[in-house]
């Protein structure tokens, strides 16, 4: 009889603790009241790459989809045909297509 009473008491205690844990509100961390503003650092706001001055390693490093071979092809085209008159002239370089040009258009300039 005592054992049954003891087990009933333990069951009631554990059930109460379980319900209390489930029903308790979850503490959320305080969020800052100020509006979130993204700051652009100087590193991410890089200057544009001049097609007429950049060397092959710079072109390879800075342009998306341009590897070593395409970077060398850009420099070779510039040396053969003279300076680029516009960014769109980059389409004349073998291996550079519209997709690569569109992906990098905001990073490029011609001076």
PDB file of N, CA and C in Angstrom:
ATOM      1  N   UNK A   1       0.812  -1.191   0.000  1.00  0.00           N
ATOM      2  CA  UNK A   1       0.000   0.000   0.000  1.00  0.00           C
ATOM      3  C   UNK A   1       0.858   1.258   0.000  1.00  0.00           C
ATOM      4  N   UNK A   2       1.899   1.262   0.827  1.00  0.00           N
ATOM      5  CA  UNK A   2       2.785   2.433   0.869  1.00  0.00           C
ATOM      6  C   UNK A   2       3.500   2.620  -0.461  1.00  0.00           C
ATOM      7  N   UNK A   3       3.881   1.557  -1.109  1.00  0.00           N
ATOM      8  CA  UNK A   3       4.581   1.647  -2.380  1.00  0.00           C
ATOM      9  C   UNK A   3       3.680   2.276  -3.439  1.00  0.00           C
ATOM     10  N   UNK A   4       2.432   1.883  -3.480  1.00  0.00           N
ATOM     11  CA  UNK A   4       1.477   2.440  -4.432  1.00  0.00           C
ATOM     12  C   UNK A   4       1.257   3.926  -4.192  1.00  0.00           C
ATOM     13  N   UNK A   5       1.159   4.318  -2.926  1.00  0.00           N
ATOM     14  CA  UNK A   5       0.994   5.716  -2.580  1.00  0.00           C
ATOM     15  C   UNK A   5       2.231   6.528  -2.984  1.00  0.00           C
ATOM     16  N   UNK A   6       3.423   5.962  -2.761  1.00  0.00           N
ATOM     17  CA  UNK A   6       4.679   6.619  -3.116  1.00  0.00           C
ATOM     18  C   UNK A   6       4.771   6.823  -4.636  1.00  0.00           C
ATOM     19  N   UNK A   7       4.432   5.784  -5.401  1.00  0.00           N
ATOM     20  CA  UNK A   7       4.481   5.902  -6.862  1.00  0.00           C
ATOM     21  C   UNK A   7       3.455   6.913  -7.388  1.00  0.00           C
ATOM     22  N   UNK A   8       2.308   6.972  -6.770  1.00  0.00           N
ATOM     23  CA  UNK A   8       1.296   7.963  -7.164  1.00  0.00           C
ATOM     24  C   UNK A   8       1.779   9.372  -6.887  1.00  0.00           C
ATOM     25  N   UNK A   9       2.452   9.549  -5.771  1.00  0.00           N
ATOM     26  CA  UNK A   9       3.002  10.854  -5.416  1.00  0.00           C
ATOM     27  C   UNK A   9       4.102  11.274  -6.393  1.00  0.00           C
ATOM     28  N   UNK A  10       4.995  10.374  -6.760  1.00  0.00           N
ATOM     29  CA  UNK A  10       6.069  10.648  -7.737  1.00  0.00           C
ATOM     30  C   UNK A  10       5.456  10.966  -9.100  1.00  0.00           C
ATOM     31  N   UNK A  11       4.458  10.199  -9.520  1.00  0.00           N
ATOM     32  CA  UNK A  11       3.796  10.438 -10.808  1.00  0.00           C
ATOM     33  C   UNK A  11       3.166  11.825 -10.846  1.00  0.00           C
ATOM     34  N   UNK A  12       2.505  12.203  -9.794  1.00  0.00           N
ATOM     35  CA  UNK A  12       1.874  13.519  -9.727  1.00  0.00           C
ATOM     36  C   UNK A  12       2.917  14.628  -9.777  1.00  0.00           C
ATOM     37  N   UNK A  13       4.002  14.450  -9.062  1.00  0.00           N
ATOM     38  CA  UNK A  13       5.078  15.446  -9.054  1.00  0.00           C
ATOM     39  C   UNK A  13       5.694  15.606 -10.444  1.00  0.00           C
ATOM     40  N   UNK A  14       6.001  14.508 -11.091  1.00  0.00           N
ATOM     41  CA  UNK A  14       6.603  14.577 -12.429  1.00  0.00           C
ATOM     42  C   UNK A  14       5.626  15.145 -13.458  1.00  0.00           C
ATOM     43  N   UNK A  15       4.366  14.805 -13.362  1.00  0.00           N
ATOM     44  CA  UNK A  15       3.367  15.346 -14.283  1.00  0.00           C
ATOM     45  C   UNK A  15       3.236  16.855 -14.110  1.00  0.00           C
ATOM     46  N   UNK A  16       3.224  17.315 -12.883  1.00  0.00           N
ATOM     47  CA  UNK A  16       3.134  18.758 -12.615  1.00  0.00           C
ATOM     48  C   UNK A  16       4.352  19.491 -13.146  1.00  0.00           C
ATOM     49  N   UNK A  17       5.525  18.906 -12.950  1.00  0.00           N
ATOM     50  CA  UNK A  17       6.756  19.532 -13.442  1.00  0.00           C
ATOM     51  C   UNK A  17       6.756  19.588 -14.964  1.00  0.00           C
ATOM     52  N   UNK A  18       6.274  18.550 -15.594  1.00  0.00           N
ATOM     53  CA  UNK A  18       6.230  18.510 -17.053  1.00  0.00           C
ATOM     54  C   UNK A  18       5.281  19.570 -17.603  1.00  0.00           C
ATOM     55  N   UNK A  19       4.108  19.675 -17.011  1.00  0.00           N
ATOM     56  CA  UNK A  19       3.128  20.664 -17.470  1.00  0.00           C
ATOM     57  C   UNK A  19       3.652  22.078 -17.242  1.00  0.00           C
ATOM     58  N   UNK A  20       4.314  22.297 -16.128  1.00  0.00           N
ATOM     59  CA  UNK A  20       4.877  23.612 -15.833  1.00  0.00           C
ATOM     60  C   UNK A  20       5.956  23.979 -16.842  1.00  0.00           C
ATOM     61  N   UNK A  21       6.788  23.021 -17.207  1.00  0.00           N
ATOM     62  CA  UNK A  21       7.867  23.296 -18.167  1.00  0.00           C
ATOM     63  C   UNK A  21       7.308  23.599 -19.552  1.00  0.00           C
ATOM     64  N   UNK A  22       6.256  22.900 -19.945  1.00  0.00           N
ATOM     65  CA  UNK A  22       5.669  23.122 -21.261  1.00  0.00           C
ATOM     66  C   UNK A  22       4.916  24.444 -21.307  1.00  0.00           C
ATOM     67  N   UNK A  23       4.224  24.781 -20.234  1.00  0.00           N
ATOM     68  CA  UNK A  23       3.389  25.975 -20.218  1.00  0.00           C
ATOM     69  C   UNK A  23       4.174  27.243 -19.920  1.00  0.00           C
ATOM     70  N   UNK A  24       5.403  27.120 -19.462  1.00  0.00           N
ATOM     71  CA  UNK A  24       6.196  28.301 -19.118  1.00  0.00           C
ATOM     72  C   UNK A  24       6.548  29.073 -20.383  1.00  0.00           C
ATOM     73  N   UNK A  25       6.480  30.392 -20.333  1.00  0.00           N
ATOM     74  CA  UNK A  25       6.844  31.180 -21.512  1.00  0.00           C
ATOM     75  C   UNK A  25       8.344  31.079 -21.784  1.00  0.00           C
ATOM     76  N   UNK A  26       8.655  31.072 -23.044  1.00  0.00           N
ATOM     77  CA  UNK A  26      10.052  30.996 -23.451  1.00  0.00           C
ATOM     78  C   UNK A  26      10.642  32.401 -23.400  1.00  0.00           C
ATOM     79  N   UNK A  27      11.761  32.517 -22.737  1.00  0.00           N
ATOM     80  CA  UNK A  27      12.411  33.825 -22.632  1.00  0.00           C
ATOM     81  C   UNK A  27      13.104  34.138 -23.948  1.00  0.00           C
ATOM     82  N   UNK A  28      12.753  35.274 -24.541  1.00  0.00           N
ATOM     83  CA  UNK A  28      13.399  35.688 -25.783  1.00  0.00           C
ATOM     84  C   UNK A  28      14.416  36.773 -25.460  1.00  0.00           C
ATOM     85  N   UNK A  29      15.545  36.754 -26.130  1.00  0.00           N
ATOM     86  CA  UNK A  29      16.538  37.786 -25.868  1.00  0.00           C
ATOM     87  C   UNK A  29      16.019  39.149 -26.328  1.00  0.00           C
ATOM     88  N   UNK A  30      16.434  40.155 -25.613  1.00  0.00           N
ATOM     89  CA  UNK A  30      16.030  41.515 -25.960  1.00  0.00           C
ATOM     90  C   UNK A  30      16.687  41.936 -27.271  1.00  0.00           C
ATOM     91  N   UNK A  31      15.899  42.412 -28.187  1.00  0.00           N
ATOM     92  CA  UNK A  31      16.416  42.920 -29.450  1.00  0.00           C
ATOM     93  C   UNK A  31      16.647  44.412 -29.317  1.00  0.00           C
ATOM     94  N   UNK A  32      17.640  44.929 -30.011  1.00  0.00           N
ATOM     95  CA  UNK A  32      17.879  46.371 -29.938  1.00  0.00           C
ATOM     96  C   UNK A  32      16.686  47.139 -30.493  1.00  0.00           C
ATOM     97  N   UNK A  33      16.385  48.238 -29.870  1.00  0.00           N
ATOM     98  CA  UNK A  33      15.236  49.048 -30.289  1.00  0.00           C
ATOM     99  C   UNK A  33      15.545  49.899 -31.519  1.00  0.00           C
ATOM    100  N   UNK A  34      16.810  50.133 -31.769  1.00  0.00           N
ATOM    101  CA  UNK A  34      17.190  50.952 -32.916  1.00  0.00           C
ATOM    102  C   UNK A  34      16.970  50.154 -34.199  1.00  0.00           C
ATOM    103  N   UNK A  35      16.617  50.814 -35.283  1.00  0.00           N
ATOM    104  CA  UNK A  35      16.427  50.096 -36.546  1.00  0.00           C
ATOM    105  C   UNK A  35      17.752  49.531 -37.040  1.00  0.00           C
ATOM    106  N   UNK A  36      17.652  48.396 -37.687  1.00  0.00           N
ATOM    107  CA  UNK A  36      18.847  47.759 -38.223  1.00  0.00           C
ATOM    108  C   UNK A  36      19.236  48.435 -39.522  1.00  0.00           C
ATOM    109  N   UNK A  37      20.472  48.845 -39.592  1.00  0.00           N
ATOM    110  CA  UNK A  37      20.992  49.512 -40.777  1.00  0.00           C
ATOM    111  C   UNK A  37      22.278  48.817 -41.159  1.00  0.00           C
ATOM    112  N   UNK A  38      22.366  48.442 -42.419  1.00  0.00           N
ATOM    113  CA  UNK A  38      23.597  47.823 -42.890  1.00  0.00           C
ATOM    114  C   UNK A  38      24.563  48.914 -43.303  1.00  0.00           C
ATOM    115  N   UNK A  39      25.761  48.811 -42.779  1.00  0.00           N
ATOM    116  CA  UNK A  39      26.786  49.770 -43.146  1.00  0.00           C
ATOM    117  C   UNK A  39      27.672  49.165 -44.214  1.00  0.00           C
ATOM    118  N   UNK A  40      27.982  49.942 -45.207  1.00  0.00           N
ATOM    119  CA  UNK A  40      28.858  49.489 -46.268  1.00  0.00           C
ATOM    120  C   UNK A  40      30.269  49.879 -45.886  1.00  0.00           C
ATOM    121  N   UNK A  41      31.107  48.883 -45.744  1.00  0.00           N
ATOM    122  CA  UNK A  41      32.483  49.177 -45.372  1.00  0.00           C
ATOM    123  C   UNK A  41      33.277  49.587 -46.598  1.00  0.00           C
ATOM    124  N   UNK A  42      34.423  50.169 -46.351  1.00  0.00           N
ATOM    125  CA  UNK A  42      35.272  50.619 -47.451  1.00  0.00           C
ATOM    126  C   UNK A  42      35.763  49.438 -48.276  1.00  0.00           C
ATOM    127  N   UNK A  43      35.922  48.287 -47.638  1.00  0.00           N
ATOM    128  CA  UNK A  43      36.405  47.113 -48.353  1.00  0.00           C
ATOM    129  C   UNK A  43      35.372  46.606 -49.353  1.00  0.00           C
ATOM    130  N   UNK A  44      34.083  46.671 -48.997  1.00  0.00           N
ATOM    131  CA  UNK A  44      33.071  46.163 -49.909  1.00  0.00           C
ATOM    132  C   UNK A  44      32.688  47.183 -50.981  1.00  0.00           C
ATOM    133  N   UNK A  45      32.994  48.447 -50.758  1.00  0.00           N
ATOM    134  CA  UNK A  45      32.686  49.481 -51.736  1.00  0.00           C
ATOM    135  C   UNK A  45      33.941  49.781 -52.553  1.00  0.00           C
ATOM    136  N   UNK A  46      34.436  48.757 -53.230  1.00  0.00           N
ATOM    137  CA  UNK A  46      35.673  48.900 -53.991  1.00  0.00           C
ATOM    138  C   UNK A  46      35.442  49.739 -55.229  1.00  0.00           C
ATOM    139  N   UNK A  47      36.530  50.300 -55.704  1.00  0.00           N
ATOM    140  CA  UNK A  47      36.454  51.054 -56.950  1.00  0.00           C
ATOM    141  C   UNK A  47      36.236  50.092 -58.105  1.00  0.00           C
ATOM    142  N   UNK A  48      35.738  50.639 -59.180  1.00  0.00           N
ATOM    143  CA  UNK A  48      35.525  49.817 -60.367  1.00  0.00           C
ATOM    144  C   UNK A  48      36.861  49.458 -61.006  1.00  0.00           C
ATOM    145  N   UNK A  49      36.858  48.391 -61.758  1.00  0.00           N
ATOM    146  CA  UNK A  49      38.059  47.910 -62.435  1.00  0.00           C
ATOM    147  C   UNK A  49      38.096  48.513 -63.831  1.00  0.00           C
ATOM    148  N   UNK A  50      39.192  49.170 -64.150  1.00  0.00           N
ATOM    149  CA  UNK A  50      39.356  49.770 -65.471  1.00  0.00           C
ATOM    150  C   UNK A  50      39.885  48.697 -66.417  1.00  0.00           C
ATOM    151  N   UNK A  51      39.112  48.380 -67.444  1.00  0.00           N
ATOM    152  CA  UNK A  51      39.518  47.350 -68.401  1.00  0.00           C
ATOM    153  C   UNK A  51      40.807  47.692 -69.134  1.00  0.00           C
ATOM    154  N   UNK A  52      41.118  48.966 -69.247  1.00  0.00           N
ATOM    155  CA  UNK A  52      42.310  49.373 -69.992  1.00  0.00           C
ATOM    156  C   UNK A  52      43.564  49.420 -69.129  1.00  0.00           C
ATOM    157  N   UNK A  53      43.436  49.312 -67.818  1.00  0.00           N
ATOM    158  CA  UNK A  53      44.601  49.379 -66.938  1.00  0.00           C
ATOM    159  C   UNK A  53      44.849  48.095 -66.149  1.00  0.00           C
ATOM    160  N   UNK A  54      43.829  47.290 -65.933  1.00  0.00           N
ATOM    161  CA  UNK A  54      43.954  46.114 -65.067  1.00  0.00           C
ATOM    162  C   UNK A  54      44.804  45.037 -65.710  1.00  0.00           C
ATOM    163  N   UNK A  55      45.620  44.391 -64.872  1.00  0.00           N
ATOM    164  CA  UNK A  55      46.426  43.280 -65.364  1.00  0.00           C
ATOM    165  C   UNK A  55      45.649  41.968 -65.188  1.00  0.00           C
ATOM    166  N   UNK A  56      46.182  40.888 -65.735  1.00  0.00           N
ATOM    167  CA  UNK A  56      45.482  39.604 -65.729  1.00  0.00           C
ATOM    168  C   UNK A  56      45.177  39.092 -64.318  1.00  0.00           C
ATOM    169  N   UNK A  57      46.129  39.133 -63.364  1.00  0.00           N
ATOM    170  CA  UNK A  57      45.788  38.651 -62.020  1.00  0.00           C
ATOM    171  C   UNK A  57      44.661  39.453 -61.353  1.00  0.00           C
ATOM    172  N   UNK A  58      44.618  40.755 -61.588  1.00  0.00           N
ATOM    173  CA  UNK A  58      43.553  41.580 -61.020  1.00  0.00           C
ATOM    174  C   UNK A  58      42.211  41.205 -61.634  1.00  0.00           C
ATOM    175  N   UNK A  59      42.170  41.031 -62.926  1.00  0.00           N
ATOM    176  CA  UNK A  59      40.928  40.649 -63.600  1.00  0.00           C
ATOM    177  C   UNK A  59      40.445  39.288 -63.111  1.00  0.00           C
ATOM    178  N   UNK A  60      41.372  38.362 -62.959  1.00  0.00           N
ATOM    179  CA  UNK A  60      41.024  37.024 -62.494  1.00  0.00           C
ATOM    180  C   UNK A  60      40.475  37.069 -61.076  1.00  0.00           C
ATOM    181  N   UNK A  61      41.078  37.872 -60.234  1.00  0.00           N
ATOM    182  CA  UNK A  61      40.678  37.945 -58.828  1.00  0.00           C
ATOM    183  C   UNK A  61      39.348  38.670 -58.628  1.00  0.00           C
ATOM    184  N   UNK A  62      39.130  39.732 -59.355  1.00  0.00           N
ATOM    185  CA  UNK A  62      37.984  40.603 -59.108  1.00  0.00           C
ATOM    186  C   UNK A  62      36.728  40.259 -59.887  1.00  0.00           C
ATOM    187  N   UNK A  63      36.870  39.600 -61.020  1.00  0.00           N
ATOM    188  CA  UNK A  63      35.703  39.343 -61.867  1.00  0.00           C
ATOM    189  C   UNK A  63      35.174  37.927 -61.670  1.00  0.00           C
ATOM    190  N   UNK A  64      33.866  37.822 -61.573  1.00  0.00           N
ATOM    191  CA  UNK A  64      33.206  36.539 -61.387  1.00  0.00           C
ATOM    192  C   UNK A  64      33.158  35.787 -62.710  1.00  0.00           C
ATOM    193  N   UNK A  65      33.568  34.528 -62.696  1.00  0.00           N
ATOM    194  CA  UNK A  65      33.526  33.704 -63.897  1.00  0.00           C
ATOM    195  C   UNK A  65      34.713  33.893 -64.819  1.00  0.00           C
ATOM    196  N   UNK A  66      35.703  34.662 -64.376  1.00  0.00           N
ATOM    197  CA  UNK A  66      36.893  34.906 -65.191  1.00  0.00           C
ATOM    198  C   UNK A  66      38.077  34.237 -64.510  1.00  0.00           C
ATOM    199  N   UNK A  67      38.591  33.218 -65.172  1.00  0.00           N
ATOM    200  CA  UNK A  67      39.755  32.508 -64.663  1.00  0.00           C
ATOM    201  C   UNK A  67      41.024  33.048 -65.297  1.00  0.00           C
ATOM    202  N   UNK A  68      42.088  32.299 -65.115  1.00  0.00           N
ATOM    203  CA  UNK A  68      43.393  32.734 -65.621  1.00  0.00           C
ATOM    204  C   UNK A  68      43.401  32.874 -67.143  1.00  0.00           C
ATOM    205  N   UNK A  69      42.837  31.901 -67.846  1.00  0.00           N
ATOM    206  CA  UNK A  69      42.849  31.931 -69.312  1.00  0.00           C
ATOM    207  C   UNK A  69      42.044  33.112 -69.858  1.00  0.00           C
ATOM    208  N   UNK A  70      40.869  33.366 -69.296  1.00  0.00           N
ATOM    209  CA  UNK A  70      40.041  34.471 -69.779  1.00  0.00           C
ATOM    210  C   UNK A  70      40.664  35.820 -69.429  1.00  0.00           C
ATOM    211  N   UNK A  71      41.293  35.908 -68.273  1.00  0.00           N
ATOM    212  CA  UNK A  71      41.957  37.156 -67.893  1.00  0.00           C
ATOM    213  C   UNK A  71      43.104  37.455 -68.850  1.00  0.00           C
ATOM    214  N   UNK A  72      43.874  36.432 -69.201  1.00  0.00           N
ATOM    215  CA  UNK A  72      44.976  36.619 -70.159  1.00  0.00           C
ATOM    216  C   UNK A  72      44.433  36.959 -71.541  1.00  0.00           C
ATOM    217  N   UNK A  73      43.271  36.400 -71.901  1.00  0.00           N
ATOM    218  CA  UNK A  73      42.667  36.701 -73.199  1.00  0.00           C
ATOM    219  C   UNK A  73      42.214  38.156 -73.254  1.00  0.00           C
ATOM    220  N   UNK A  74      41.719  38.686 -72.148  1.00  0.00           N
ATOM    221  CA  UNK A  74      41.306  40.097 -72.106  1.00  0.00           C
ATOM    222  C   UNK A  74      42.508  41.001 -72.307  1.00  0.00           C
ATOM    223  N   UNK A  75      43.599  40.696 -71.613  1.00  0.00           N
ATOM    224  CA  UNK A  75      44.816  41.510 -71.737  1.00  0.00           C
ATOM    225  C   UNK A  75      45.389  41.391 -73.153  1.00  0.00           C
ATOM    226  N   UNK A  76      45.397  40.186 -73.728  1.00  0.00           N
ATOM    227  CA  UNK A  76      45.911  39.990 -75.086  1.00  0.00           C
ATOM    228  C   UNK A  76      45.062  40.742 -76.109  1.00  0.00           C
ATOM    229  N   UNK A  77      43.747  40.730 -75.929  1.00  0.00           N
ATOM    230  CA  UNK A  77      42.868  41.464 -76.835  1.00  0.00           C
ATOM    231  C   UNK A  77      43.168  42.957 -76.768  1.00  0.00           C
ATOM    232  N   UNK A  78      43.373  43.450 -75.555  1.00  0.00           N
ATOM    233  CA  UNK A  78      43.662  44.877 -75.368  1.00  0.00           C
ATOM    234  C   UNK A  78      44.996  45.249 -76.009  1.00  0.00           C
ATOM    235  N   UNK A  79      45.985  44.379 -75.881  1.00  0.00           N
ATOM    236  CA  UNK A  79      47.294  44.664 -76.475  1.00  0.00           C
ATOM    237  C   UNK A  79      47.237  44.597 -78.002  1.00  0.00           C
ATOM    238  N   UNK A  80      46.422  43.723 -78.543  1.00  0.00           N
ATOM    239  CA  UNK A  80      46.309  43.562 -79.991  1.00  0.00           C
ATOM    240  C   UNK A  80      45.452  44.651 -80.629  1.00  0.00           C
ATOM    241  N   UNK A  81      44.328  44.977 -80.038  1.00  0.00           N
ATOM    242  CA  UNK A  81      43.350  45.883 -80.641  1.00  0.00           C
ATOM    243  C   UNK A  81      43.319  47.281 -80.048  1.00  0.00           C
ATOM    244  N   UNK A  82      44.151  47.539 -79.074  1.00  0.00           N
ATOM    245  CA  UNK A  82      44.140  48.850 -78.436  1.00  0.00           C
ATOM    246  C   UNK A  82      43.167  48.881 -77.273  1.00  0.00           C
ATOM    247  N   UNK A  83      43.065  50.019 -76.618  1.00  0.00           N
ATOM    248  CA  UNK A  83      42.213  50.113 -75.433  1.00  0.00           C
ATOM    249  C   UNK A  83      40.733  49.901 -75.766  1.00  0.00           C
ATOM    250  N   UNK A  84      40.014  49.413 -74.766  1.00  0.00           N
ATOM    251  CA  UNK A  84      38.573  49.196 -74.915  1.00  0.00           C
ATOM    252  C   UNK A  84      37.866  50.542 -75.010  1.00  0.00           C
ATOM    253  N   UNK A  85      36.922  50.649 -75.931  1.00  0.00           N
ATOM    254  CA  UNK A  85      36.146  51.874 -76.079  1.00  0.00           C
ATOM    255  C   UNK A  85      34.926  51.853 -75.164  1.00  0.00           C
ATOM    256  N   UNK A  86      34.409  50.658 -74.866  1.00  0.00           N
ATOM    257  CA  UNK A  86      33.260  50.520 -73.970  1.00  0.00           C
ATOM    258  C   UNK A  86      33.339  49.164 -73.280  1.00  0.00           C
ATOM    259  N   UNK A  87      32.577  49.015 -72.235  1.00  0.00           N
ATOM    260  CA  UNK A  87      32.538  47.750 -71.510  1.00  0.00           C
ATOM    261  C   UNK A  87      31.943  46.658 -72.400  1.00  0.00           C
ATOM    262  N   UNK A  88      31.007  47.023 -73.268  1.00  0.00           N
ATOM    263  CA  UNK A  88      30.384  46.049 -74.156  1.00  0.00           C
ATOM    264  C   UNK A  88      31.357  45.438 -75.159  1.00  0.00           C
ATOM    265  N   UNK A  89      32.458  46.113 -75.411  1.00  0.00           N
ATOM    266  CA  UNK A  89      33.464  45.580 -76.327  1.00  0.00           C
ATOM    267  C   UNK A  89      34.116  44.318 -75.759  1.00  0.00           C
ATOM    268  N   UNK A  90      33.939  44.075 -74.485  1.00  0.00           N
ATOM    269  CA  UNK A  90      34.481  42.877 -73.845  1.00  0.00           C
ATOM    270  C   UNK A  90      33.884  41.606 -74.455  1.00  0.00           C
ATOM    271  N   UNK A  91      32.719  41.731 -75.072  1.00  0.00           N
ATOM    272  CA  UNK A  91      32.100  40.583 -75.731  1.00  0.00           C
ATOM    273  C   UNK A  91      32.918  40.080 -76.911  1.00  0.00           C
ATOM    274  N   UNK A  92      33.799  40.911 -77.434  1.00  0.00           N
ATOM    275  CA  UNK A  92      34.646  40.517 -78.564  1.00  0.00           C
ATOM    276  C   UNK A  92      35.768  39.569 -78.138  1.00  0.00           C
ATOM    277  N   UNK A  93      36.049  39.492 -76.844  1.00  0.00           N
ATOM    278  CA  UNK A  93      37.113  38.627 -76.337  1.00  0.00           C
ATOM    279  C   UNK A  93      36.616  37.191 -76.331  1.00  0.00           C
ATOM    280  N   UNK A  94      37.440  36.286 -76.847  1.00  0.00           N
ATOM    281  CA  UNK A  94      37.072  34.884 -76.900  1.00  0.00           C
ATOM    282  C   UNK A  94      36.897  34.342 -75.482  1.00  0.00           C
ATOM    283  N   UNK A  95      35.759  33.699 -75.246  1.00  0.00           N
ATOM    284  CA  UNK A  95      35.476  33.115 -73.939  1.00  0.00           C
ATOM    285  C   UNK A  95      34.623  33.985 -73.041  1.00  0.00           C
ATOM    286  N   UNK A  96      34.427  35.243 -73.426  1.00  0.00           N
ATOM    287  CA  UNK A  96      33.588  36.142 -72.633  1.00  0.00           C
ATOM    288  C   UNK A  96      32.235  36.245 -73.327  1.00  0.00           C
ATOM    289  N   UNK A  97      31.213  35.804 -72.626  1.00  0.00           N
ATOM    290  CA  UNK A  97      29.866  35.851 -73.182  1.00  0.00           C
ATOM    291  C   UNK A  97      29.009  36.877 -72.455  1.00  0.00           C
ATOM    292  N   UNK A  98      27.783  36.959 -72.900  1.00  0.00           N
ATOM    293  CA  UNK A  98      26.858  37.936 -72.332  1.00  0.00           C
ATOM    294  C   UNK A  98      26.623  37.689 -70.844  1.00  0.00           C
ATOM    295  N   UNK A  99      26.560  36.427 -70.428  1.00  0.00           N
ATOM    296  CA  UNK A  99      26.305  36.109 -69.017  1.00  0.00           C
ATOM    297  C   UNK A  99      27.434  36.622 -68.123  1.00  0.00           C
ATOM    298  N   UNK A 100      28.661  36.399 -68.541  1.00  0.00           N
ATOM    299  CA  UNK A 100      29.812  36.867 -67.742  1.00  0.00           C
ATOM    300  C   UNK A 100      29.845  38.389 -67.721  1.00  0.00           C
ATOM    301  N   UNK A 101      29.580  39.010 -68.865  1.00  0.00           N
ATOM    302  CA  UNK A 101      29.574  40.471 -68.908  1.00  0.00           C
ATOM    303  C   UNK A 101      28.481  41.042 -68.012  1.00  0.00           C
ATOM    304  N   UNK A 102      27.282  40.480 -68.071  1.00  0.00           N
ATOM    305  CA  UNK A 102      26.181  40.973 -67.243  1.00  0.00           C
ATOM    306  C   UNK A 102      26.468  40.795 -65.755  1.00  0.00           C
ATOM    307  N   UNK A 103      27.123  39.692 -65.403  1.00  0.00           N
ATOM    308  CA  UNK A 103      27.457  39.422 -64.005  1.00  0.00           C
ATOM    309  C   UNK A 103      28.470  40.417 -63.451  1.00  0.00           C
ATOM    310  N   UNK A 104      29.324  40.949 -64.318  1.00  0.00           N
ATOM    311  CA  UNK A 104      30.408  41.817 -63.874  1.00  0.00           C
ATOM    312  C   UNK A 104      30.267  43.270 -64.322  1.00  0.00           C
ATOM    313  N   UNK A 105      29.212  43.621 -64.978  1.00  0.00           N
ATOM    314  CA  UNK A 105      29.049  44.948 -65.567  1.00  0.00           C
ATOM    315  C   UNK A 105      29.203  46.071 -64.535  1.00  0.00           C
ATOM    316  N   UNK A 106      28.679  45.870 -63.328  1.00  0.00           N
ATOM    317  CA  UNK A 106      28.734  46.913 -62.298  1.00  0.00           C
ATOM    318  C   UNK A 106      30.147  47.109 -61.762  1.00  0.00           C
ATOM    319  N   UNK A 107      31.016  46.139 -61.964  1.00  0.00           N
ATOM    320  CA  UNK A 107      32.391  46.236 -61.461  1.00  0.00           C
ATOM    321  C   UNK A 107      33.338  46.849 -62.470  1.00  0.00           C
ATOM    322  N   UNK A 108      32.909  47.008 -63.713  1.00  0.00           N
ATOM    323  CA  UNK A 108      33.803  47.415 -64.794  1.00  0.00           C
ATOM    324  C   UNK A 108      33.574  48.842 -65.236  1.00  0.00           C
ATOM    325  N   UNK A 109      34.663  49.438 -65.708  1.00  0.00           N
ATOM    326  CA  UNK A 109      34.600  50.762 -66.337  1.00  0.00           C
ATOM    327  C   UNK A 109      35.695  50.855 -67.374  1.00  0.00           C
ATOM    328  N   UNK A 110      35.566  51.847 -68.264  1.00  0.00           N
ATOM    329  CA  UNK A 110      36.565  52.093 -69.292  1.00  0.00           C
ATOM    330  C   UNK A 110      36.929  53.571 -69.224  1.00  0.00           C
ATOM    331  N   UNK A 111      38.179  53.863 -68.972  1.00  0.00           N
ATOM    332  CA  UNK A 111      38.649  55.251 -68.924  1.00  0.00           C
ATOM    333  C   UNK A 111      39.543  55.556 -70.097  1.00  0.00           C
TER     334      UNK A 111
END
